[in-house]
Amino acid sequence: MVLLKTIHLQKVRKGYQIIGIAILVVVLTLTANQDLWAQCPMCKMAAESNLREGGTAGKGLNAGILFILSLPYILIGSIGFAWWRNNRDFEA
């Protein structure tokens, strides 16, 4: 019985650690330098003007944005899968 309580406490502590890390990441993201946030409108204007002039740089920019956007989802999905796999093995 004591072993089960110890295992439960370890799971709770890991949960608090993950929540703490998530909060830290959100705070750091929200407090990022404002120059970083200003780049999106600048890229949009550059891509629109390039497309108006018949260029194809806007299409490449869109593909790059989609690639960069997919990386956090892949990372979070991988971490979630590893967590699920470890918890599944532990519960069995």
Foldseek 3Di string as FASTA:
>chain_A
DVVVVVVVVVVVVVVVVVVVVVVVVVVCVVPDDVVVVVVVVVVVVVLVVCVVVPHDVVVVVVVVVVVVVCVVVVVVVVVVVVVVVVVVVVVD
